[in-house]
Structures are given as structure tokens and as C-alpha cells.
Amino acid sequence: MANVSDQMSWYYKGHLLEDRARNKVYKLVMELLEDNTKQRLLSKQRQWIKSRDKKALTYIDEEFESREKMNEW
């Protein structure tokens, strides 16, 4: 039976492979899009990232009362 370190290593390798595959598909799709559609997509992606980060920081603040306490955890 594999130990936890081995399991994490396999998980990480699998994640990297999936990420590379997604990136290849993303690049292919971006090449097919017209410039205005590509710009709209990039804008929406940036909006989503800002929203995701804001929600994550809100969660951290609520869960740990402060980001400094999170580092202590």
C-alpha cells in the first residue's frame, strides 16, 4: 500500500498532467476566437478571478478572524 507521500506525489503529477491538457485546449480555443470575443472572454476571466479572490479573503477573515491568525494556524 502506498504511503501518504506517494499518494500526494501521484495526485500532484496527475494534477499537472490535467493542467497541461487544459492549457493546450485553452490555447487552441483562443486561436479560433475572433479578437473581440477573445477580449470579452479575457475580461470575464479577470472579473471571475477578482471575485474568487475576494470571496477567499472574506472566508479567511471570517474563519480565522484575521489573516495573521491564519498564518499561526
N, C-alpha and C. Protein backbone atom coordinates (compact mmCIF):
# COMPACT_ATOMS: atom_id res chain seq x y z
N MET A 1 0.85 -1.18 0.00
CA MET A 1 0.00 0.00 0.00
C MET A 1 0.89 1.25 0.00
N ALA A 2 0.52 2.23 -0.78
CA ALA A 2 1.31 3.45 -0.89
C ALA A 2 1.15 4.30 0.36
N ASN A 3 2.24 4.96 0.73
CA ASN A 3 2.13 5.85 1.88
C ASN A 3 1.56 7.20 1.44
N VAL A 4 1.32 8.08 2.40
CA VAL A 4 0.68 9.36 2.10
C VAL A 4 1.55 10.19 1.16
N SER A 5 2.84 10.16 1.34
CA SER A 5 3.74 10.92 0.48
C SER A 5 3.63 10.46 -0.98
N ASP A 6 3.60 9.14 -1.17
CA ASP A 6 3.44 8.60 -2.53
C ASP A 6 2.10 9.01 -3.13
N GLN A 7 1.05 8.95 -2.33
CA GLN A 7 -0.28 9.31 -2.81
C GLN A 7 -0.32 10.78 -3.22
N MET A 8 0.30 11.64 -2.41
CA MET A 8 0.33 13.06 -2.73
C MET A 8 1.14 13.31 -4.00
N SER A 9 2.22 12.57 -4.15
CA SER A 9 3.06 12.72 -5.33
C SER A 9 2.28 12.34 -6.58
N TRP A 10 1.55 11.23 -6.53
CA TRP A 10 0.75 10.82 -7.68
C TRP A 10 -0.37 11.80 -7.96
N TYR A 11 -0.98 12.31 -6.88
CA TYR A 11 -2.05 13.31 -7.05
C TYR A 11 -1.49 14.55 -7.73
N TYR A 12 -0.34 15.02 -7.27
CA TYR A 12 0.29 16.21 -7.83
C TYR A 12 0.65 16.00 -9.30
N LYS A 13 1.21 14.84 -9.61
CA LYS A 13 1.57 14.55 -11.01
C LYS A 13 0.32 14.51 -11.89
N GLY A 14 -0.74 13.90 -11.37
CA GLY A 14 -1.99 13.85 -12.12
C GLY A 14 -2.55 15.24 -12.35
N HIS A 15 -2.46 16.07 -11.33
CA HIS A 15 -2.94 17.44 -11.44
C HIS A 15 -2.15 18.20 -12.50
N LEU A 16 -0.85 18.02 -12.52
CA LEU A 16 -0.01 18.69 -13.52
C LEU A 16 -0.37 18.25 -14.93
N LEU A 17 -0.58 16.95 -15.11
CA LEU A 17 -0.95 16.45 -16.43
C LEU A 17 -2.29 17.00 -16.89
N GLU A 18 -3.26 17.05 -15.99
CA GLU A 18 -4.57 17.60 -16.32
C GLU A 18 -4.46 19.09 -16.64
N ASP A 19 -3.66 19.80 -15.89
CA ASP A 19 -3.48 21.23 -16.10
C ASP A 19 -2.85 21.50 -17.47
N ARG A 20 -1.85 20.72 -17.83
CA ARG A 20 -1.22 20.87 -19.14
C ARG A 20 -2.21 20.60 -20.26
N ALA A 21 -3.04 19.58 -20.09
CA ALA A 21 -4.05 19.25 -21.12
C ALA A 21 -5.05 20.39 -21.25
N ARG A 22 -5.51 20.93 -20.12
CA ARG A 22 -6.44 22.07 -20.16
C ARG A 22 -5.82 23.27 -20.85
N ASN A 23 -4.55 23.53 -20.55
CA ASN A 23 -3.87 24.67 -21.17
C ASN A 23 -3.75 24.51 -22.68
N LYS A 24 -3.50 23.29 -23.13
CA LYS A 24 -3.42 23.06 -24.58
C LYS A 24 -4.75 23.33 -25.25
N VAL A 25 -5.83 22.84 -24.65
CA VAL A 25 -7.16 23.05 -25.21
C VAL A 25 -7.50 24.54 -25.18
N TYR A 26 -7.19 25.21 -24.08
CA TYR A 26 -7.46 26.64 -23.96
C TYR A 26 -6.76 27.42 -25.07
N LYS A 27 -5.49 27.11 -25.30
CA LYS A 27 -4.73 27.81 -26.35
C LYS A 27 -5.34 27.56 -27.74
N LEU A 28 -5.75 26.33 -27.98
CA LEU A 28 -6.37 26.02 -29.27
C LEU A 28 -7.68 26.79 -29.45
N VAL A 29 -8.49 26.83 -28.42
CA VAL A 29 -9.76 27.55 -28.49
C VAL A 29 -9.50 29.04 -28.69
N MET A 30 -8.54 29.60 -27.95
CA MET A 30 -8.24 31.03 -28.08
C MET A 30 -7.79 31.38 -29.50
N GLU A 31 -7.09 30.47 -30.15
CA GLU A 31 -6.66 30.71 -31.53
C GLU A 31 -7.85 30.77 -32.49
N LEU A 32 -8.92 30.09 -32.16
CA LEU A 32 -10.10 30.05 -33.02
C LEU A 32 -11.02 31.26 -32.84
N LEU A 33 -10.91 31.92 -31.71
CA LEU A 33 -11.82 33.03 -31.41
C LEU A 33 -11.43 34.30 -32.16
N GLU A 34 -12.44 35.08 -32.50
CA GLU A 34 -12.19 36.40 -33.07
C GLU A 34 -11.68 37.31 -31.96
N ASP A 35 -10.96 38.35 -32.33
CA ASP A 35 -10.33 39.22 -31.34
C ASP A 35 -11.30 39.80 -30.33
N ASN A 36 -12.46 40.28 -30.80
CA ASN A 36 -13.41 40.88 -29.85
C ASN A 36 -13.97 39.84 -28.87
N THR A 37 -14.21 38.65 -29.34
CA THR A 37 -14.70 37.57 -28.47
C THR A 37 -13.61 37.17 -27.49
N LYS A 38 -12.39 37.11 -27.95
CA LYS A 38 -11.26 36.77 -27.09
C LYS A 38 -11.10 37.81 -25.98
N GLN A 39 -11.23 39.08 -26.32
CA GLN A 39 -11.11 40.15 -25.33
C GLN A 39 -12.23 40.09 -24.29
N ARG A 40 -13.45 39.79 -24.75
CA ARG A 40 -14.57 39.65 -23.80
C ARG A 40 -14.34 38.49 -22.86
N LEU A 41 -13.86 37.38 -23.40
CA LEU A 41 -13.57 36.21 -22.56
C LEU A 41 -12.51 36.54 -21.52
N LEU A 42 -11.43 37.17 -21.95
CA LEU A 42 -10.35 37.53 -21.01
C LEU A 42 -10.86 38.48 -19.93
N SER A 43 -11.71 39.42 -20.31
CA SER A 43 -12.28 40.34 -19.34
C SER A 43 -13.13 39.60 -18.31
N LYS A 44 -13.96 38.69 -18.78
CA LYS A 44 -14.80 37.89 -17.87
C LYS A 44 -13.94 37.02 -16.95
N GLN A 45 -12.87 36.47 -17.47
CA GLN A 45 -11.99 35.65 -16.65
C GLN A 45 -11.34 36.49 -15.55
N ARG A 46 -10.90 37.69 -15.90
CA ARG A 46 -10.29 38.57 -14.90
C ARG A 46 -11.29 38.96 -13.83
N GLN A 47 -12.54 39.23 -14.23
CA GLN A 47 -13.60 39.54 -13.26
C GLN A 47 -13.82 38.37 -12.32
N TRP A 48 -13.86 37.17 -12.88
CA TRP A 48 -14.07 35.98 -12.06
C TRP A 48 -12.93 35.79 -11.05
N ILE A 49 -11.70 36.02 -11.49
CA ILE A 49 -10.55 35.86 -10.60
C ILE A 49 -10.64 36.86 -9.44
N LYS A 50 -10.99 38.11 -9.73
CA LYS A 50 -11.13 39.11 -8.67
C LYS A 50 -12.22 38.70 -7.69
N SER A 51 -13.35 38.21 -8.21
CA SER A 51 -14.45 37.77 -7.36
C SER A 51 -14.03 36.57 -6.50
N ARG A 52 -13.35 35.61 -7.11
CA ARG A 52 -12.89 34.43 -6.39
C ARG A 52 -11.94 34.82 -5.27
N ASP A 53 -10.99 35.70 -5.57
CA ASP A 53 -10.02 36.12 -4.56
C ASP A 53 -10.69 36.87 -3.42
N LYS A 54 -11.64 37.73 -3.75
CA LYS A 54 -12.37 38.49 -2.73
C LYS A 54 -13.14 37.54 -1.80
N LYS A 55 -13.80 36.55 -2.40
CA LYS A 55 -14.55 35.57 -1.59
C LYS A 55 -13.61 34.77 -0.70
N ALA A 56 -12.45 34.41 -1.23
CA ALA A 56 -11.48 33.64 -0.44
C ALA A 56 -10.99 34.46 0.74
N LEU A 57 -10.68 35.73 0.52
CA LEU A 57 -10.21 36.58 1.61
C LEU A 57 -11.30 36.83 2.63
N THR A 58 -12.54 36.96 2.18
CA THR A 58 -13.66 37.11 3.10
C THR A 58 -13.80 35.87 3.97
N TYR A 59 -13.69 34.70 3.36
CA TYR A 59 -13.76 33.45 4.12
C TYR A 59 -12.65 33.39 5.16
N ILE A 60 -11.45 33.74 4.75
CA ILE A 60 -10.32 33.71 5.68
C ILE A 60 -10.57 34.65 6.85
N ASP A 61 -11.03 35.86 6.55
CA ASP A 61 -11.30 36.83 7.60
C ASP A 61 -12.37 36.33 8.56
N GLU A 62 -13.41 35.71 8.04
CA GLU A 62 -14.50 35.21 8.89
C GLU A 62 -14.08 33.97 9.66
N GLU A 63 -13.35 33.09 9.03
CA GLU A 63 -12.98 31.82 9.66
C GLU A 63 -11.87 32.00 10.70
N PHE A 64 -10.91 32.84 10.40
CA PHE A 64 -9.74 32.97 11.27
C PHE A 64 -9.69 34.31 11.99
N GLU A 65 -10.69 35.15 11.80
CA GLU A 65 -10.80 36.48 12.38
C GLU A 65 -9.78 37.46 11.83
N SER A 66 -8.69 36.97 11.32
CA SER A 66 -7.72 37.82 10.65
C SER A 66 -6.77 36.94 9.86
N ARG A 67 -6.14 37.53 8.87
CA ARG A 67 -5.19 36.75 8.06
C ARG A 67 -3.95 36.41 8.85
N GLU A 68 -3.61 37.23 9.85
CA GLU A 68 -2.45 36.94 10.68
C GLU A 68 -2.68 35.66 11.50
N LYS A 69 -3.91 35.49 12.01
CA LYS A 69 -4.22 34.28 12.78
C LYS A 69 -4.18 33.04 11.90
N MET A 70 -4.53 33.20 10.62
CA MET A 70 -4.47 32.07 9.71
C MET A 70 -3.04 31.56 9.62
N ASN A 71 -2.07 32.47 9.57
CA ASN A 71 -0.67 32.07 9.48
C ASN A 71 -0.22 31.34 10.74
N GLU A 72 -0.83 31.66 11.87
CA GLU A 72 -0.50 30.97 13.12
C GLU A 72 -1.04 29.55 13.13
N TRP A 73 -2.15 29.35 12.42
CA TRP A 73 -2.80 28.04 12.39
C TRP A 73 -1.92 27.07 11.72
